[in-house]
Amino acid sequence: MIRSQASSMFSDISAEACVETASRPRVSVIIPAFNAAEFIAQTLESVFAQTFPKYEVIVVNDGSPDTTDFEKSLAPYINRLVYLKQENLGPSVARNAGILKAQGEFVAFLDSDDVWESNYLSVQMTTFDESPALDLIYADALLIGEGVPPGLTFMKAAPSKGPVTFESLLCGDCSIITSCVVARKASLLKAGLFDPEFVRSEDLHLWLRVAHSGGSLAYQADVVARHRVHGSSLSADMTRMFKSQIDVFEKLQCELALTAPQTRAVAEAVRRSRAHIEFHRGKQQFESGNYRQAVIALRAANEYYRSPKLRFVLGGLRVAPRVLGLAYRLREAARARHD
């Protein structure tokens, strides 16, 4: 449940900020926060540097254990935003709280450790002005963080190609980064908002439902944000991420009236995610020296991939697993020195 008061100081100032808003914002920027004290100032600075003027900022503290430090970091900005606090109920509930509080016709999502370029909202809203039938637009972001190759963007790692449809989202032809999404509030309400059941892949679940409900989605390749990649992010554990995708796909089968082609596409998405899980499990077993288990997992993955390269690896594991393991470790060591 959303608490009516965060603390006397924060709730009072936030209330004044709402009263002092001279005109209704066109865009409501929603920032869910959990363990966000380290980066929230950078995130907010990027929002308040926007060249597009008609926006409000809603920060939702999702029962964060670092609340004391977080509110210290938030204090310099508190009279410029709406601050909500809730129990730790997950990102879906936090974002929904922000959406329901939002005054804008559009909502823009931003994670508490990501940042926007100063022209972000201007670029996104210009697209809506030029294409008024759109319900959702997303852009590209530079990936930042330890171990990320310089210049790598989200769309280089996960390209979007072709129209954004229910089917293209299912098969991975189009991948949406949440911190680069601006959407019509009414379209999100129509689709049913984020599902509180999910703490991973909750965004994919909503985008699929927006598309299935007849929403018009599009992307632009402009790099107008920076997305932080680090080990504590929910997407860092690939196996859990793919398992959560399977949960999303299976729930779609139950909750949506799918056509026969859509039903086949969902089933194919489940098969693909299961293959990804087996591949990552096989890689982990291989790196741990558990070669027999690696063979079992990689063979299961390759029933879907049909990859000659993976078939070669499986052959090496059967004939000379220790030699292959040594070669792999030497290659990774050389790559680490190069990086």
Protein backbone atom coordinates (compact mmCIF):
# COMPACT_ATOMS: atom_id res chain seq x y z
CA MET A 1 0.00 0.00 0.00
CA ILE A 2 1.19 3.54 -0.72
CA ARG A 3 1.83 5.38 2.51
CA SER A 4 0.19 8.78 2.69
CA GLN A 5 3.28 10.26 4.33
CA ALA A 6 6.91 9.43 3.68
CA SER A 7 8.26 11.47 6.54
CA SER A 8 7.00 14.83 7.71
CA MET A 9 9.66 16.78 5.85
CA PHE A 10 9.43 14.87 2.59
CA SER A 11 5.65 14.53 2.40
CA ASP A 12 5.07 18.21 3.19
CA ILE A 13 7.49 19.49 0.56
CA SER A 14 6.18 17.05 -2.05
CA ALA A 15 2.64 18.26 -1.43
CA GLU A 16 3.74 21.88 -1.92
CA ALA A 17 5.42 20.89 -5.19
CA CYS A 18 2.10 19.56 -6.51
CA VAL A 19 0.24 22.74 -5.53
CA GLU A 20 2.83 25.03 -7.06
CA THR A 21 2.71 23.39 -10.51
CA ALA A 22 1.55 26.26 -12.72
CA SER A 23 0.21 24.14 -15.59
CA ARG A 24 -0.57 20.51 -16.13
CA PRO A 25 2.51 18.60 -17.32
CA ARG A 26 2.38 16.86 -20.65
CA VAL A 27 4.73 14.08 -19.50
CA SER A 28 5.02 12.38 -16.12
CA VAL A 29 8.48 10.93 -15.49
CA ILE A 30 8.24 7.86 -13.25
CA ILE A 31 11.31 6.65 -11.37
CA PRO A 32 10.98 3.54 -9.15
CA ALA A 33 13.78 3.31 -6.61
CA PHE A 34 15.30 0.43 -4.65
CA ASN A 35 18.87 0.69 -3.29
CA ALA A 36 19.24 3.78 -5.43
CA ALA A 37 21.08 6.24 -3.16
CA GLU A 38 24.33 5.95 -5.13
CA PHE A 39 22.93 7.01 -8.51
CA ILE A 40 19.67 8.90 -7.92
CA ALA A 41 21.30 12.34 -8.00
CA GLN A 42 22.82 11.67 -11.44
CA THR A 43 19.48 10.34 -12.66
CA LEU A 44 17.54 13.37 -11.44
CA GLU A 45 20.12 15.83 -12.77
CA SER A 46 19.63 14.31 -16.21
CA VAL A 47 15.85 14.76 -15.93
CA PHE A 48 16.00 18.34 -14.71
CA ALA A 49 18.40 19.17 -17.57
CA GLN A 50 15.75 18.34 -20.17
CA THR A 51 15.15 20.92 -22.87
CA PHE A 52 11.49 19.84 -23.05
CA PRO A 53 9.75 21.92 -20.34
CA LYS A 54 6.33 20.37 -19.69
CA TYR A 55 6.99 17.45 -17.37
CA GLU A 56 6.67 16.36 -13.76
CA VAL A 57 8.84 13.90 -11.85
CA ILE A 58 7.45 11.14 -9.63
CA VAL A 59 9.90 9.11 -7.54
CA VAL A 60 8.54 5.95 -5.89
CA ASN A 61 10.59 4.49 -3.04
CA ASP A 62 9.86 0.75 -3.19
CA GLY A 63 10.60 -0.02 0.46
CA SER A 64 14.30 0.49 -0.12
CA PRO A 65 16.68 -0.64 2.65
CA ASP A 66 18.87 2.41 1.95
CA THR A 67 16.01 4.87 2.52
CA THR A 68 17.97 7.07 4.98
CA ASP A 69 20.83 7.61 2.51
CA PHE A 70 18.41 7.74 -0.42
CA GLU A 71 16.40 10.58 1.13
CA LYS A 72 19.60 12.49 1.87
CA SER A 73 20.50 12.22 -1.82
CA LEU A 74 16.93 13.20 -2.74
CA ALA A 75 16.72 16.21 -0.42
CA PRO A 76 18.20 18.83 -2.82
CA TYR A 77 15.52 17.96 -5.39
CA ILE A 78 12.51 17.30 -3.20
CA ASN A 79 10.67 20.56 -3.95
CA ARG A 80 10.87 19.73 -7.67
CA LEU A 81 9.23 16.31 -7.58
CA VAL A 82 6.47 14.15 -6.13
CA TYR A 83 7.82 11.58 -3.68
CA LEU A 84 5.90 8.39 -2.84
CA LYS A 85 6.85 5.61 -0.46
CA GLN A 86 5.53 2.08 -0.35
CA GLU A 87 6.40 -1.25 1.16
CA ASN A 88 8.79 -3.36 -0.89
CA LEU A 89 6.24 -4.70 -3.39
CA GLY A 90 8.42 -4.77 -6.50
CA PRO A 91 8.95 -2.63 -9.60
CA SER A 92 5.53 -3.38 -11.09
CA VAL A 93 3.64 -1.99 -8.11
CA ALA A 94 6.03 0.96 -7.84
CA ARG A 95 5.60 1.95 -11.49
CA ASN A 96 1.83 1.47 -11.27
CA ALA A 97 1.72 3.80 -8.27
CA GLY A 98 3.52 6.42 -10.31
CA ILE A 99 1.21 5.95 -13.30
CA LEU A 100 -1.90 6.33 -11.16
CA LYS A 101 -0.47 9.49 -9.59
CA ALA A 102 0.63 10.93 -12.94
CA GLN A 103 -1.03 14.09 -14.25
CA GLY A 104 0.49 13.91 -17.71
CA GLU A 105 -1.10 12.52 -20.86
CA PHE A 106 2.17 10.64 -21.39
CA VAL A 107 4.37 8.73 -18.98
CA ALA A 108 8.13 8.28 -19.36
CA PHE A 109 9.90 5.52 -17.45
CA LEU A 110 13.41 5.91 -16.07
CA ASP A 111 15.24 3.49 -13.80
CA SER A 112 16.96 5.06 -10.82
CA ASP A 113 20.48 4.27 -12.06
CA ASP A 114 20.02 5.32 -15.70
CA VAL A 115 20.34 8.80 -17.21
CA TRP A 116 18.89 10.69 -20.14
CA GLU A 117 20.59 13.05 -22.55
CA SER A 118 19.21 16.58 -22.31
CA ASN A 119 17.23 16.22 -25.55
CA TYR A 120 15.61 12.91 -24.59
CA LEU A 121 12.06 14.10 -23.93
CA SER A 122 12.21 16.59 -26.80
CA VAL A 123 13.16 13.83 -29.27
CA GLN A 124 10.52 11.44 -27.99
CA MET A 125 7.69 13.96 -27.87
CA THR A 126 8.53 15.29 -31.34
CA THR A 127 7.95 11.75 -32.60
CA PHE A 128 4.51 11.67 -30.97
CA ASP A 129 3.68 15.05 -32.50
CA GLU A 130 4.70 13.78 -35.94
CA SER A 131 2.89 10.43 -35.48
CA PRO A 132 -0.19 11.11 -33.31
CA ALA A 133 -1.52 7.56 -33.73
CA LEU A 134 1.40 6.16 -31.71
CA ASP A 135 0.77 4.73 -28.25
CA LEU A 136 4.38 3.96 -27.29
CA ILE A 137 7.81 4.98 -28.54
CA TYR A 138 11.24 3.77 -27.40
CA ALA A 139 14.76 4.84 -28.28
CA ASP A 140 18.33 3.55 -27.97
CA ALA A 141 20.76 3.93 -25.07
CA LEU A 142 24.50 3.71 -24.61
CA LEU A 143 25.40 0.84 -22.26
CA ILE A 144 27.67 1.87 -19.38
CA GLY A 145 29.22 0.02 -16.46
CA GLU A 146 32.07 -2.32 -15.63
CA GLY A 147 33.06 -4.68 -18.43
CA VAL A 148 30.89 -2.99 -21.08
CA PRO A 149 32.76 -2.46 -24.39
CA PRO A 150 33.07 1.25 -25.26
CA GLY A 151 30.41 2.49 -27.63
CA LEU A 152 28.09 -0.49 -27.24
CA THR A 153 24.44 0.51 -27.36
CA PHE A 154 21.34 -1.44 -26.42
CA MET A 155 20.24 -1.76 -30.02
CA LYS A 156 23.66 -2.99 -31.12
CA ALA A 157 23.39 -5.71 -28.48
CA ALA A 158 19.68 -6.37 -29.14
CA PRO A 159 18.72 -4.80 -32.49
CA SER A 160 15.18 -3.74 -33.26
CA LYS A 161 14.17 -4.41 -36.84
CA GLY A 162 10.86 -4.16 -38.63
CA PRO A 163 7.50 -3.07 -37.20
CA VAL A 164 6.95 -3.41 -33.45
CA THR A 165 4.16 -5.96 -33.12
CA PHE A 166 3.01 -8.64 -30.71
CA GLU A 167 4.82 -11.20 -32.84
CA SER A 168 8.07 -9.24 -33.28
CA LEU A 169 8.28 -8.69 -29.50
CA LEU A 170 7.73 -12.41 -28.93
CA CYS A 171 10.44 -13.53 -31.33
CA GLY A 172 12.96 -10.91 -30.23
CA ASP A 173 13.06 -8.95 -33.49
CA CYS A 174 12.21 -5.93 -31.36
CA SER A 175 13.50 -5.45 -27.80
CA ILE A 176 12.42 -2.52 -25.65
CA ILE A 177 14.55 -0.85 -22.99
CA THR A 178 12.22 0.49 -20.30
CA SER A 179 14.29 3.59 -19.49
CA CYS A 180 13.78 4.68 -23.10
CA VAL A 181 9.98 4.27 -23.19
CA VAL A 182 7.44 7.08 -23.41
CA ALA A 183 3.81 5.92 -23.65
CA ARG A 184 0.31 7.30 -23.51
CA LYS A 185 -1.07 6.84 -20.01
CA ALA A 186 -4.47 5.84 -21.41
CA SER A 187 -2.91 3.04 -23.47
CA LEU A 188 -1.17 1.60 -20.41
CA LEU A 189 -4.40 1.76 -18.41
CA LYS A 190 -6.25 0.01 -21.24
CA ALA A 191 -3.66 -2.79 -21.27
CA GLY A 192 -3.94 -3.24 -17.50
CA LEU A 193 -0.66 -1.67 -16.26
CA PHE A 194 2.27 -3.73 -14.95
CA ASP A 195 1.40 -7.11 -13.47
CA PRO A 196 2.42 -7.22 -9.77
CA GLU A 197 3.07 -10.96 -10.14
CA PHE A 198 6.31 -10.26 -12.01
CA VAL A 199 9.52 -8.72 -10.69
CA ARG A 200 11.44 -9.67 -13.84
CA SER A 201 10.22 -9.30 -17.43
CA GLU A 202 7.26 -7.30 -16.11
CA ASP A 203 8.01 -4.69 -18.76
CA LEU A 204 7.95 -7.23 -21.61
CA HIS A 205 4.63 -8.53 -20.30
CA LEU A 206 3.10 -5.04 -20.48
CA TRP A 207 4.53 -4.16 -23.91
CA LEU A 208 3.11 -7.42 -25.30
CA ARG A 209 -0.31 -6.63 -23.87
CA VAL A 210 -0.21 -3.08 -25.24
CA ALA A 211 0.59 -4.48 -28.69
CA HIS A 212 -2.08 -7.19 -28.43
CA SER A 213 -4.73 -4.66 -27.36
CA GLY A 214 -4.22 -2.79 -30.62
CA GLY A 215 -1.63 -0.27 -29.47
CA SER A 216 0.75 1.25 -32.01
CA LEU A 217 4.41 0.88 -30.95
CA ALA A 218 7.53 2.19 -32.67
CA TYR A 219 11.22 2.78 -32.07
CA GLN A 220 13.86 5.23 -33.14
CA ALA A 221 17.58 4.55 -33.25
CA ASP A 222 18.59 7.83 -31.61
CA VAL A 223 20.97 7.20 -28.69
CA VAL A 224 19.44 9.57 -26.15
CA ALA A 225 20.07 7.77 -22.85
CA ARG A 226 22.67 5.82 -20.90
CA HIS A 227 21.70 2.47 -19.38
CA ARG A 228 23.81 1.18 -16.51
CA VAL A 229 24.73 -2.52 -16.55
CA HIS A 230 25.92 -4.02 -13.27
CA GLY A 231 25.75 -7.28 -11.37
CA SER A 232 22.98 -6.21 -9.02
CA SER A 233 20.52 -5.41 -11.82
CA LEU A 234 17.55 -7.76 -12.09
CA SER A 235 18.55 -8.74 -15.64
CA ALA A 236 22.09 -9.75 -14.61
CA ASP A 237 21.07 -13.36 -13.86
CA MET A 238 20.34 -14.62 -17.36
CA THR A 239 18.83 -17.93 -16.27
CA ARG A 240 16.31 -16.21 -13.99
CA MET A 241 15.53 -13.69 -16.69
CA PHE A 242 14.70 -16.40 -19.23
CA LYS A 243 12.66 -18.30 -16.64
CA SER A 244 10.68 -15.13 -16.00
CA GLN A 245 10.10 -14.76 -19.74
CA ILE A 246 8.66 -18.27 -19.82
CA ASP A 247 6.33 -17.31 -16.97
CA VAL A 248 5.24 -14.25 -18.97
CA PHE A 249 4.63 -16.25 -22.15
CA GLU A 250 2.69 -18.94 -20.33
CA LYS A 251 0.51 -16.35 -18.60
CA LEU A 252 -0.20 -14.70 -21.95
CA GLN A 253 -1.55 -18.04 -23.17
CA CYS A 254 -4.04 -18.00 -20.30
CA GLU A 255 -5.07 -14.35 -20.22
CA LEU A 256 -5.24 -13.28 -23.88
CA ALA A 257 -7.52 -14.36 -26.72
CA LEU A 258 -4.79 -15.43 -29.14
CA THR A 259 -5.17 -16.30 -32.78
CA ALA A 260 -3.76 -19.62 -33.96
CA PRO A 261 -0.59 -17.94 -35.37
CA GLN A 262 -0.14 -16.02 -32.12
CA THR A 263 -0.53 -19.21 -30.11
CA ARG A 264 2.21 -20.84 -32.21
CA ALA A 265 4.41 -17.76 -31.76
CA VAL A 266 4.03 -17.89 -27.97
CA ALA A 267 4.86 -21.61 -27.93
CA GLU A 268 7.95 -20.92 -30.04
CA ALA A 269 9.01 -18.16 -27.62
CA VAL A 270 8.75 -20.61 -24.73
CA ARG A 271 10.93 -23.13 -26.59
CA ARG A 272 13.50 -20.46 -27.37
CA SER A 273 13.72 -19.28 -23.75
CA ARG A 274 14.11 -22.86 -22.53
CA ALA A 275 16.95 -23.35 -25.01
CA HIS A 276 18.63 -20.17 -23.73
CA ILE A 277 18.37 -21.50 -20.17
CA GLU A 278 19.99 -24.80 -21.15
CA PHE A 279 22.75 -22.97 -23.02
CA HIS A 280 23.63 -20.78 -20.02
CA ARG A 281 23.41 -23.76 -17.70
CA GLY A 282 25.72 -25.72 -20.00
CA LYS A 283 28.19 -22.85 -20.13
CA GLN A 284 28.23 -22.60 -16.33
CA GLN A 285 28.78 -26.34 -15.97
CA PHE A 286 31.57 -26.23 -18.57
CA GLU A 287 33.33 -23.35 -16.79
CA SER A 288 33.05 -25.29 -13.51
CA GLY A 289 34.62 -28.38 -15.06
CA ASN A 290 31.42 -30.43 -14.86
CA TYR A 291 31.76 -31.62 -18.43
CA ARG A 292 29.18 -34.41 -18.32
CA GLN A 293 26.48 -32.02 -17.10
CA ALA A 294 27.64 -29.45 -19.64
CA VAL A 295 27.09 -31.97 -22.46
CA ILE A 296 23.57 -32.75 -21.26
CA ALA A 297 22.57 -29.07 -21.08
CA LEU A 298 24.25 -27.99 -24.33
CA ARG A 299 22.78 -30.94 -26.21
CA ALA A 300 19.32 -29.93 -25.01
CA ALA A 301 19.98 -26.34 -26.12
CA ASN A 302 21.16 -27.44 -29.53
CA GLU A 303 17.96 -29.37 -30.17
CA TYR A 304 16.56 -25.86 -30.67
CA TYR A 305 19.59 -23.96 -32.04
CA ARG A 306 20.81 -26.56 -34.54
CA SER A 307 24.17 -24.76 -34.42
CA PRO A 308 27.21 -26.30 -36.19
CA LYS A 309 29.49 -24.40 -33.79
CA LEU A 310 27.73 -25.83 -30.75
CA ARG A 311 27.78 -29.28 -32.35
CA PHE A 312 31.57 -28.91 -32.66
CA VAL A 313 31.84 -27.95 -28.98
CA LEU A 314 29.77 -30.98 -28.00
CA GLY A 315 32.09 -33.19 -30.04
CA GLY A 316 35.11 -31.73 -28.26
CA LEU A 317 33.47 -32.29 -24.89
CA ARG A 318 32.90 -35.93 -25.68
CA VAL A 319 36.40 -36.58 -27.06
CA ALA A 320 38.73 -34.32 -25.04
CA PRO A 321 36.84 -32.25 -22.48
CA ARG A 322 39.90 -31.22 -20.42
CA VAL A 323 41.80 -30.07 -23.50
CA LEU A 324 38.78 -28.02 -24.60
CA GLY A 325 38.45 -26.60 -21.09
CA LEU A 326 42.10 -25.57 -21.02
CA ALA A 327 41.82 -23.94 -24.44
CA TYR A 328 38.76 -22.01 -23.27
CA ARG A 329 40.47 -20.77 -20.10
CA LEU A 330 43.54 -19.65 -22.06
CA ARG A 331 41.34 -17.79 -24.52
CA GLU A 332 39.40 -16.05 -21.74
CA ALA A 333 42.65 -15.07 -19.98
CA ALA A 334 44.00 -13.59 -23.20
CA ARG A 335 40.75 -11.70 -23.76
CA ALA A 336 40.89 -10.32 -20.20
CA ARG A 337 44.45 -9.07 -20.72
CA HIS A 338 43.41 -7.43 -23.99
CA ASP A 339 40.44 -5.70 -22.34
